[in-house]
Amino acid sequence: MRITFLLLSVGLVCAQEYDLVLKGGHVIDPKNKISGRRDVAVKDGRIAEVGTNIAASKAAKTIDVSGLYVTPGLIDLHVHVYAGTGTAYTGPSSVRPDDHSFRSGVTTMVDAGSSGWRNFEDFKMLIIDRAQTRVLALLNIVGAGMAGAPEQNLKDMDPVKAAEMAAKYKAIIVGFKTAHYAGPEWTPVENAVKAGEIAKVPIMVDFGQFRSERPYEELVTKKLRPGDMSTHMFLGRVPMLDDTGKLRPFLLEARKRGVIFDVGHGGGSFLFRQAVPAIKQGFPPDSISTDLHIGSMNGAMQTMLTTMSKFLNMGMTLDDVVLRSTWHPARQIKREELGNLSVGAPADIAVLRLQKGDFGFVDVNGARMQGTHKLDGELTTRDGKVVWDLNGRSRSDWKTLGNYGAQGDPKWDGIVRAETRTRR
């Protein structure tokens, strides 16, 4: 009889069409122009269906997400996660990706130049290959990356060797980065662009010191190509507003020619006095990112969701904020299989709660903005597996499991295995 029951149970599981259904949530999928109540079904780690009423009986596991927002897994375009054995951002200044990603709905992180062609393979072995989070990389044009303070070394900026490393790891390296350069030369930007042309990928620029010999206006209107990215767009030194507070026209000109502007909040690169007037005058970010590192995670930036919440409270709609945290960054790094809930896409999903109340948000100068909306991460899936579940929505109530004794009892272990089946 027991064998017959097990066979029948296996048969029922096999007959079910989906591994997981998220039911009753408000889906925001900008690529597919969906913003409304939908159910999302997952099978074999992929999005299998997005529909108005998917029967719970079709799924091995159904999770009620009524009253919540369901979005593609968030893409944080600017982080530092090379928490290796080196110095600075090849060591203690970086953080480990899984410690910060899933709880904020982030399923893909892009490390922005922590490693260069000399140490990328160490970064890959030590962090990328071991992380549950999908970690991609913008390769620093400096061969040693961000170890210590080497980004001033013009002799270590080799576009050919950088492009060769990018060609070797096309699935991971999605572009190049130049950052923090203090000299008067355009060499770092020009070499990064050259590497990008060879590898046919975009570059990201953190302009470092702003000097009269290489004006920021010239960077975005002449030096960068369409599809290249200027990060830290709300940094205080960016010449964004004139003396009357009006947005400078060259920024709109740069955007019109295809240059992309990224937030890159960080520990020192986001001011409300830049962001609020720019957004009011029609210059929102193309992509929202954190510049996550040890100097920003416990400061004004905090998390990806905190950063997104700031833009909600500056007047952007939730749909626009999600667009700039999912589909836009996916397109910017040419990974259009990500950042959407199309059938067949990886089942990277963020379930978010939009809280309404009395909240405060801070910029890098310590200025506070009062807010009424705040996003929290309720549940996250990566390739269809539940990797973050704030309130245990994917689990069964303990009262339904019966009295199965202590852990280690075969019956107890069987229940645990059954409960985690959909996460494997």
Protein backbone atom coordinates (compact mmCIF):
# COMPACT_ATOMS: atom_id res chain seq x y z
CA MET A 1 0.00 0.00 0.00
CA ARG A 2 2.82 2.41 0.87
CA ILE A 3 4.54 1.73 -2.47
CA THR A 4 1.25 2.34 -4.30
CA PHE A 5 0.78 5.70 -2.47
CA LEU A 6 4.30 6.82 -3.37
CA LEU A 7 3.79 5.89 -7.01
CA LEU A 8 0.51 7.78 -7.12
CA SER A 9 2.20 10.82 -5.52
CA VAL A 10 5.02 10.73 -8.06
CA GLY A 11 2.46 10.47 -10.83
CA LEU A 12 0.62 13.54 -9.56
CA VAL A 13 3.85 15.55 -9.37
CA CYS A 14 4.84 14.50 -12.89
CA ALA A 15 1.41 15.45 -14.22
CA GLN A 16 1.67 19.01 -12.92
CA GLU A 17 2.44 21.49 -15.66
CA TYR A 18 4.45 24.01 -13.64
CA ASP A 19 6.97 23.93 -10.79
CA LEU A 20 5.81 27.23 -9.32
CA VAL A 21 3.03 29.77 -9.76
CA LEU A 22 3.07 33.25 -8.22
CA LYS A 23 -0.59 34.12 -7.97
CA GLY A 24 -2.52 37.36 -7.60
CA GLY A 25 0.27 39.94 -7.80
CA HIS A 26 0.54 43.15 -9.81
CA VAL A 27 3.08 42.33 -12.52
CA ILE A 28 5.30 45.12 -13.85
CA ASP A 29 7.22 43.90 -16.91
CA PRO A 30 8.29 46.98 -18.91
CA LYS A 31 9.70 45.05 -21.88
CA ASN A 32 6.34 43.41 -22.51
CA LYS A 33 4.34 46.50 -21.51
CA ILE A 34 2.55 44.70 -18.70
CA SER A 35 1.40 46.55 -15.61
CA GLY A 36 -1.55 44.88 -13.95
CA ARG A 37 -2.78 41.84 -12.12
CA ARG A 38 -1.24 38.66 -13.56
CA ASP A 39 -0.10 35.24 -12.43
CA VAL A 40 3.42 34.03 -13.30
CA ALA A 41 4.25 30.36 -13.87
CA VAL A 42 7.72 28.82 -13.76
CA LYS A 43 8.95 25.53 -15.22
CA ASP A 44 12.51 24.18 -15.26
CA GLY A 45 13.99 27.51 -14.20
CA ARG A 46 12.26 29.50 -16.95
CA ILE A 47 9.21 31.70 -17.24
CA ALA A 48 6.52 29.38 -18.62
CA GLU A 49 3.41 31.59 -18.66
CA VAL A 50 2.18 35.01 -17.61
CA GLY A 51 -1.60 34.99 -17.49
CA THR A 52 -4.70 36.40 -15.82
CA ASN A 53 -5.83 33.25 -14.02
CA ILE A 54 -3.43 30.30 -13.94
CA ALA A 55 -4.99 27.41 -12.03
CA ALA A 56 -3.18 26.55 -8.81
CA SER A 57 -3.77 22.87 -9.59
CA LYS A 58 -1.30 23.14 -12.47
CA ALA A 59 1.64 23.81 -10.15
CA ALA A 60 3.64 21.81 -7.66
CA LYS A 61 3.81 24.99 -5.55
CA THR A 62 1.55 28.05 -5.62
CA ILE A 63 2.46 31.19 -3.71
CA ASP A 64 -0.12 33.87 -2.98
CA VAL A 65 1.40 37.28 -3.74
CA SER A 66 -1.81 39.30 -3.64
CA GLY A 67 -1.25 42.94 -2.79
CA LEU A 68 2.40 42.76 -3.90
CA TYR A 69 4.29 43.78 -7.01
CA VAL A 70 5.96 41.14 -9.19
CA THR A 71 8.83 42.33 -11.38
CA PRO A 72 11.76 40.84 -13.26
CA GLY A 73 14.75 40.22 -11.01
CA LEU A 74 16.47 43.56 -10.47
CA ILE A 75 19.77 44.31 -12.21
CA ASP A 76 22.22 46.40 -10.19
CA LEU A 77 24.47 47.82 -12.89
CA HIS A 78 27.19 49.21 -10.61
CA VAL A 79 28.56 47.23 -7.66
CA HIS A 80 31.93 46.21 -6.23
CA VAL A 81 31.99 42.56 -5.21
CA TYR A 82 35.61 41.46 -5.73
CA ALA A 83 35.98 40.67 -2.02
CA GLY A 84 39.31 38.98 -2.57
CA THR A 85 42.66 38.81 -0.84
CA GLY A 86 44.04 41.97 -2.38
CA THR A 87 43.74 45.63 -1.41
CA ALA A 88 41.00 48.25 -1.77
CA TYR A 89 38.31 47.06 -4.21
CA THR A 90 40.13 43.81 -4.94
CA GLY A 91 39.78 43.06 -1.25
CA PRO A 92 38.27 44.64 1.87
CA SER A 93 36.43 47.53 0.17
CA SER A 94 34.28 45.13 -1.85
CA VAL A 95 31.41 43.02 -0.49
CA ARG A 96 30.23 39.52 -1.27
CA PRO A 97 27.32 39.50 -3.73
CA ASP A 98 25.00 36.99 -2.03
CA ASP A 99 25.10 38.98 1.21
CA HIS A 100 23.26 41.87 -0.44
CA SER A 101 21.49 40.76 -3.61
CA PHE A 102 18.45 38.55 -3.07
CA ARG A 103 17.03 40.33 -0.02
CA SER A 104 16.74 43.42 -2.24
CA GLY A 105 15.22 41.62 -5.21
CA VAL A 106 18.51 41.76 -7.12
CA THR A 107 19.35 38.68 -9.17
CA THR A 108 22.06 40.16 -11.40
CA MET A 109 24.96 42.35 -10.32
CA VAL A 110 27.50 44.01 -12.60
CA ASP A 111 30.87 44.58 -10.96
CA ALA A 112 32.05 47.97 -12.21
CA GLY A 113 35.77 47.78 -12.77
CA SER A 114 37.05 46.17 -9.59
CA SER A 115 39.19 43.84 -11.69
CA GLY A 116 41.26 44.37 -14.83
CA TRP A 117 42.66 41.93 -17.37
CA ARG A 118 45.49 40.94 -15.01
CA ASN A 119 43.28 39.77 -12.13
CA PHE A 120 39.86 39.09 -13.68
CA GLU A 121 40.40 35.34 -13.65
CA ASP A 122 41.13 35.46 -9.92
CA PHE A 123 37.90 37.43 -9.44
CA LYS A 124 36.04 34.85 -11.50
CA MET A 125 37.43 31.89 -9.56
CA LEU A 126 37.09 33.46 -6.11
CA ILE A 127 33.70 35.19 -6.41
CA ILE A 128 31.81 34.82 -9.68
CA ASP A 129 31.96 31.04 -9.93
CA ARG A 130 30.91 30.61 -6.29
CA ALA A 131 28.04 33.10 -6.11
CA GLN A 132 24.36 32.23 -6.39
CA THR A 133 23.84 35.76 -7.68
CA ARG A 134 24.52 36.19 -11.38
CA VAL A 135 27.67 38.33 -11.39
CA LEU A 136 28.76 40.02 -14.62
CA ALA A 137 31.68 42.41 -15.01
CA LEU A 138 32.78 45.68 -16.54
CA LEU A 139 36.53 45.14 -16.89
CA ASN A 140 38.74 47.99 -15.71
CA ILE A 141 40.90 49.44 -18.47
CA VAL A 142 43.73 49.36 -15.90
CA GLY A 143 45.18 45.84 -15.89
CA ALA A 144 45.39 45.70 -12.08
CA GLY A 145 41.84 46.97 -11.65
CA MET A 146 41.09 48.83 -8.44
CA ALA A 147 43.84 47.35 -6.27
CA GLY A 148 45.20 50.08 -4.04
CA ALA A 149 45.32 53.27 -6.11
CA PRO A 150 46.57 52.08 -9.50
CA GLU A 151 44.01 53.75 -11.72
CA GLN A 152 46.48 56.56 -12.44
CA ASN A 153 48.88 54.20 -14.23
CA LEU A 154 48.63 55.10 -17.91
CA LYS A 155 51.15 52.38 -18.80
CA ASP A 156 48.82 49.67 -17.45
CA MET A 157 45.90 50.74 -19.64
CA ASP A 158 46.11 48.21 -22.45
CA PRO A 159 42.99 48.13 -24.67
CA VAL A 160 44.16 45.12 -26.69
CA LYS A 161 44.80 42.87 -23.69
CA ALA A 162 41.57 44.04 -22.07
CA ALA A 163 39.65 43.18 -25.25
CA GLU A 164 41.32 39.77 -25.41
CA MET A 165 40.13 38.98 -21.89
CA ALA A 166 36.64 40.13 -22.78
CA ALA A 167 36.64 37.86 -25.84
CA LYS A 168 37.72 34.92 -23.68
CA TYR A 169 34.84 35.44 -21.22
CA LYS A 170 32.07 36.85 -23.40
CA ALA A 171 29.37 35.39 -21.17
CA ILE A 172 30.59 37.38 -18.16
CA ILE A 173 32.45 40.50 -19.29
CA VAL A 174 29.85 42.92 -20.64
CA GLY A 175 31.95 46.05 -21.08
CA PHE A 176 34.82 48.17 -19.79
CA LYS A 177 35.21 50.78 -17.06
CA THR A 178 37.52 53.70 -16.48
CA ALA A 179 37.40 55.49 -13.15
CA HIS A 180 38.98 57.92 -10.71
CA TYR A 181 41.64 59.27 -13.06
CA ALA A 182 43.15 62.51 -11.77
CA GLY A 183 45.43 63.56 -14.63
CA PRO A 184 44.71 66.01 -17.48
CA GLU A 185 44.84 63.41 -20.26
CA TRP A 186 41.94 61.77 -22.10
CA THR A 187 44.02 58.56 -22.31
CA PRO A 188 41.91 56.41 -19.91
CA VAL A 189 38.68 57.25 -21.73
CA GLU A 190 40.23 56.85 -25.17
CA ASN A 191 41.75 53.47 -24.28
CA ALA A 192 38.48 52.24 -22.77
CA VAL A 193 36.63 53.29 -25.94
CA LYS A 194 39.27 51.54 -28.04
CA ALA A 195 38.81 48.33 -26.05
CA GLY A 196 35.05 48.70 -26.44
CA GLU A 197 35.39 49.07 -30.19
CA ILE A 198 37.53 45.94 -30.45
CA ALA A 199 35.23 43.85 -28.26
CA LYS A 200 32.01 45.53 -29.50
CA VAL A 201 30.78 46.29 -25.98
CA PRO A 202 29.95 49.52 -24.12
CA ILE A 203 32.08 51.36 -21.60
CA MET A 204 31.24 53.04 -18.29
CA VAL A 205 33.04 56.17 -17.12
CA ASP A 206 33.44 57.41 -13.56
CA PHE A 207 35.09 60.70 -14.43
CA GLY A 208 37.24 60.99 -11.31
CA GLN A 209 38.60 64.50 -10.94
CA PHE A 210 36.89 67.13 -13.09
CA ARG A 211 39.55 69.16 -14.89
CA SER A 212 39.39 72.05 -17.33
CA GLU A 213 41.72 70.18 -19.74
CA ARG A 214 39.06 67.48 -20.21
CA PRO A 215 35.62 68.98 -19.61
CA TYR A 216 32.72 66.73 -18.66
CA GLU A 217 30.64 68.29 -21.42
CA GLU A 218 33.17 67.09 -23.99
CA LEU A 219 33.10 63.59 -22.46
CA VAL A 220 29.37 63.09 -23.01
CA THR A 221 28.93 65.06 -26.23
CA LYS A 222 32.07 63.95 -28.09
CA LYS A 223 34.17 61.23 -26.47
CA LEU A 224 31.54 58.65 -25.53
CA ARG A 225 29.79 56.58 -28.19
CA PRO A 226 26.06 55.86 -28.32
CA GLY A 227 25.46 53.15 -25.70
CA ASP A 228 28.38 54.19 -23.49
CA MET A 229 27.55 55.08 -19.88
CA SER A 230 28.35 58.01 -17.63
CA THR A 231 27.88 56.87 -14.04
CA HIS A 232 27.53 58.99 -10.86
CA MET A 233 25.21 61.29 -12.82
CA PHE A 234 24.02 63.13 -9.68
CA LEU A 235 27.52 63.68 -8.31
CA GLY A 236 27.94 67.22 -7.00
CA ARG A 237 30.80 68.02 -9.41
CA VAL A 238 28.76 67.19 -12.53
CA PRO A 239 27.95 70.54 -14.22
CA MET A 240 24.25 69.69 -14.37
CA LEU A 241 22.53 72.97 -13.45
CA ASP A 242 23.32 76.56 -14.33
CA ASP A 243 23.34 79.45 -11.83
CA THR A 244 19.55 79.75 -12.07
CA GLY A 245 18.98 76.03 -11.41
CA LYS A 246 18.12 75.25 -15.01
CA LEU A 247 19.29 71.98 -16.57
CA ARG A 248 22.22 72.53 -18.91
CA PRO A 249 21.26 71.77 -22.54
CA PHE A 250 24.36 69.69 -23.29
CA LEU A 251 22.97 66.87 -21.12
CA LEU A 252 19.87 66.51 -23.27
CA GLU A 253 22.08 66.73 -26.36
CA ALA A 254 24.25 63.89 -25.02
CA ARG A 255 21.21 61.73 -24.28
CA LYS A 256 19.81 62.42 -27.75
CA ARG A 257 23.02 61.09 -29.31
CA GLY A 258 22.70 57.88 -27.26
CA VAL A 259 24.90 58.42 -24.21
CA ILE A 260 23.45 56.67 -21.14
CA PHE A 261 23.32 58.21 -17.67
CA ASP A 262 23.53 55.88 -14.65
CA VAL A 263 22.92 56.72 -10.99
CA GLY A 264 25.82 54.93 -9.25
CA HIS A 265 24.72 56.28 -5.85
CA GLY A 266 27.70 55.10 -3.80
CA GLY A 267 29.07 56.72 -0.69
CA GLY A 268 29.75 60.11 -2.28
CA SER A 269 27.93 60.41 -5.60
CA PHE A 270 24.29 61.31 -5.04
CA LEU A 271 22.84 64.68 -4.06
CA PHE A 272 19.17 65.59 -3.87
CA ARG A 273 20.04 69.14 -4.96
CA GLN A 274 21.18 67.65 -8.29
CA ALA A 275 18.63 64.86 -8.69
CA VAL A 276 15.37 66.62 -7.75
CA PRO A 277 15.62 69.56 -10.19
CA ALA A 278 16.99 67.33 -12.97
CA ILE A 279 14.07 64.93 -12.71
CA LYS A 280 11.54 67.77 -12.52
CA GLN A 281 13.06 69.19 -15.72
CA GLY A 282 12.77 65.90 -17.62
CA PHE A 283 16.20 64.36 -17.02
CA PRO A 284 15.67 61.13 -15.04
CA PRO A 285 18.34 58.40 -14.92
CA ASP A 286 18.51 55.79 -17.66
CA SER A 287 19.52 53.19 -15.08
CA ILE A 288 19.33 53.05 -11.29
CA SER A 289 22.32 51.46 -9.56
CA THR A 290 23.86 51.46 -6.11
CA ASP A 291 27.65 51.52 -6.40
CA LEU A 292 27.52 48.99 -3.59
CA HIS A 293 30.67 48.71 -1.44
CA ILE A 294 31.57 48.87 2.25
CA GLY A 295 31.49 52.66 2.19
CA SER A 296 27.94 52.89 0.84
CA MET A 297 26.02 49.93 2.26
CA ASN A 298 25.70 51.38 5.78
CA GLY A 299 25.54 55.00 4.66
CA ALA A 300 23.03 57.02 2.69
CA MET A 301 22.71 54.46 -0.11
CA GLN A 302 21.85 51.37 2.01
CA THR A 303 20.32 49.02 -0.61
CA MET A 304 19.04 48.81 -4.17
CA LEU A 305 15.46 49.10 -2.90
CA THR A 306 16.30 52.16 -0.81
CA THR A 307 17.88 53.75 -3.87
CA MET A 308 14.82 52.95 -5.99
CA SER A 309 12.55 54.32 -3.25
CA LYS A 310 14.30 57.70 -3.43
CA PHE A 311 13.25 58.06 -7.05
CA LEU A 312 9.67 57.10 -6.21
CA ASN A 313 9.61 59.92 -3.68
CA MET A 314 11.09 62.33 -6.21
CA GLY A 315 8.03 61.86 -8.38
CA MET A 316 8.88 58.97 -10.69
CA THR A 317 6.24 56.26 -11.09
CA LEU A 318 6.84 52.73 -9.87
CA ASP A 319 6.65 51.49 -13.46
CA ASP A 320 9.41 53.92 -14.49
CA VAL A 321 11.58 52.99 -11.52
CA VAL A 322 11.23 49.28 -12.33
CA LEU A 323 12.03 49.97 -16.00
CA ARG A 324 15.30 51.63 -14.99
CA SER A 325 16.18 48.77 -12.64
CA THR A 326 15.41 45.87 -15.00
CA TRP A 327 14.92 46.23 -18.74
CA HIS A 328 17.03 49.35 -19.28
CA PRO A 329 20.19 47.95 -17.66
CA ALA A 330 19.67 44.61 -19.45
CA ARG A 331 19.69 46.43 -22.78
CA GLN A 332 22.62 48.63 -21.77
CA ILE A 333 24.84 45.59 -21.20
CA LYS A 334 23.38 43.74 -24.21
CA ARG A 335 21.91 40.94 -22.11
CA GLU A 336 18.33 41.15 -23.30
CA GLU A 337 17.45 37.70 -22.03
CA LEU A 338 17.48 39.35 -18.59
CA GLY A 339 15.32 42.04 -17.05
CA ASN A 340 11.99 40.73 -18.33
CA LEU A 341 9.33 38.07 -17.76
CA SER A 342 8.98 36.85 -21.35
CA VAL A 343 8.14 33.17 -21.78
CA GLY A 344 11.46 31.32 -21.97
CA ALA A 345 13.42 33.96 -20.02
CA PRO A 346 15.32 32.91 -16.88
CA ALA A 347 12.87 32.83 -13.97
CA ASP A 348 14.56 35.65 -12.07
CA ILE A 349 11.70 37.33 -10.23
CA ALA A 350 11.40 39.97 -7.52
CA VAL A 351 8.27 40.24 -5.39
CA LEU A 352 8.14 43.67 -3.78
CA ARG A 353 5.97 45.33 -1.17
CA LEU A 354 5.25 49.03 -1.60
CA GLN A 355 4.88 50.46 1.88
CA LYS A 356 3.06 53.72 2.52
CA GLY A 357 3.90 55.75 5.59
CA ASP A 358 6.38 58.23 7.01
CA PHE A 359 9.92 57.56 5.76
CA GLY A 360 13.17 59.48 5.52
CA PHE A 361 15.90 59.24 2.88
CA VAL A 362 19.38 60.73 3.01
CA ASP A 363 21.91 61.79 0.37
CA VAL A 364 25.70 61.57 0.60
CA ASN A 365 25.98 65.05 2.14
CA GLY A 366 23.60 64.12 4.93
CA ALA A 367 20.61 66.02 3.54
CA ARG A 368 17.27 64.38 4.36
CA MET A 369 14.21 64.02 2.13
CA GLN A 370 10.83 63.18 3.61
CA GLY A 371 9.05 60.35 1.81
CA THR A 372 5.75 58.52 1.82
CA HIS A 373 6.64 55.36 -0.14
CA LYS A 374 9.23 52.67 0.46
CA LEU A 375 9.96 49.38 -1.32
CA ASP A 376 10.75 46.18 0.59
CA GLY A 377 11.86 42.81 -0.76
CA GLU A 378 9.26 40.14 -0.02
CA LEU A 379 10.44 37.18 -2.14
CA THR A 380 13.06 36.54 -4.83
CA THR A 381 13.60 33.68 -7.25
CA ARG A 382 16.77 33.00 -9.22
CA ASP A 383 16.31 30.58 -12.11
CA GLY A 384 12.99 29.58 -10.56
CA LYS A 385 14.38 28.76 -7.11
CA VAL A 386 13.20 30.70 -4.10
CA VAL A 387 16.35 32.33 -2.73
CA TRP A 388 14.79 34.97 -0.46
CA ASP A 389 11.48 34.64 1.37
CA LEU A 390 11.01 37.36 3.99
CA ASN A 391 7.75 36.04 5.42
CA GLY A 392 7.96 32.36 4.48
CA ARG A 393 5.32 32.63 1.76
CA SER A 394 6.73 29.62 -0.07
CA ARG A 395 6.51 27.41 3.04
CA SER A 396 3.67 25.43 4.62
CA ASP A 397 2.14 26.41 7.94
CA TRP A 398 3.69 24.37 10.72
CA LYS A 399 0.28 23.21 11.93
CA THR A 400 -0.37 21.38 8.64
CA LEU A 401 2.77 19.28 8.90
CA GLY A 402 1.66 17.16 11.84
CA ASN A 403 3.76 15.79 14.66
CA TYR A 404 6.78 14.35 12.92
CA GLY A 405 9.23 14.44 15.79
CA ALA A 406 12.62 16.01 15.91
CA GLN A 407 14.88 16.80 12.99
CA GLY A 408 16.69 13.63 12.02
CA ASP A 409 13.52 11.56 12.13
CA PRO A 410 12.99 10.04 8.64
CA LYS A 411 9.43 11.40 8.46
CA TRP A 412 10.59 14.91 9.40
CA ASP A 413 13.40 14.82 6.83
CA GLY A 414 10.90 13.72 4.21
CA ILE A 415 8.73 16.74 4.87
CA VAL A 416 11.73 19.08 4.66
CA ARG A 417 12.77 17.52 1.36
CA ALA A 418 9.27 17.90 -0.03
CA GLU A 419 9.13 21.55 1.05
CA THR A 420 12.43 22.38 -0.65
CA ARG A 421 11.81 20.37 -3.83
CA THR A 422 10.78 23.41 -5.85
CA ARG A 423 13.93 25.32 -4.85
CA ARG A 424 16.37 22.83 -6.31
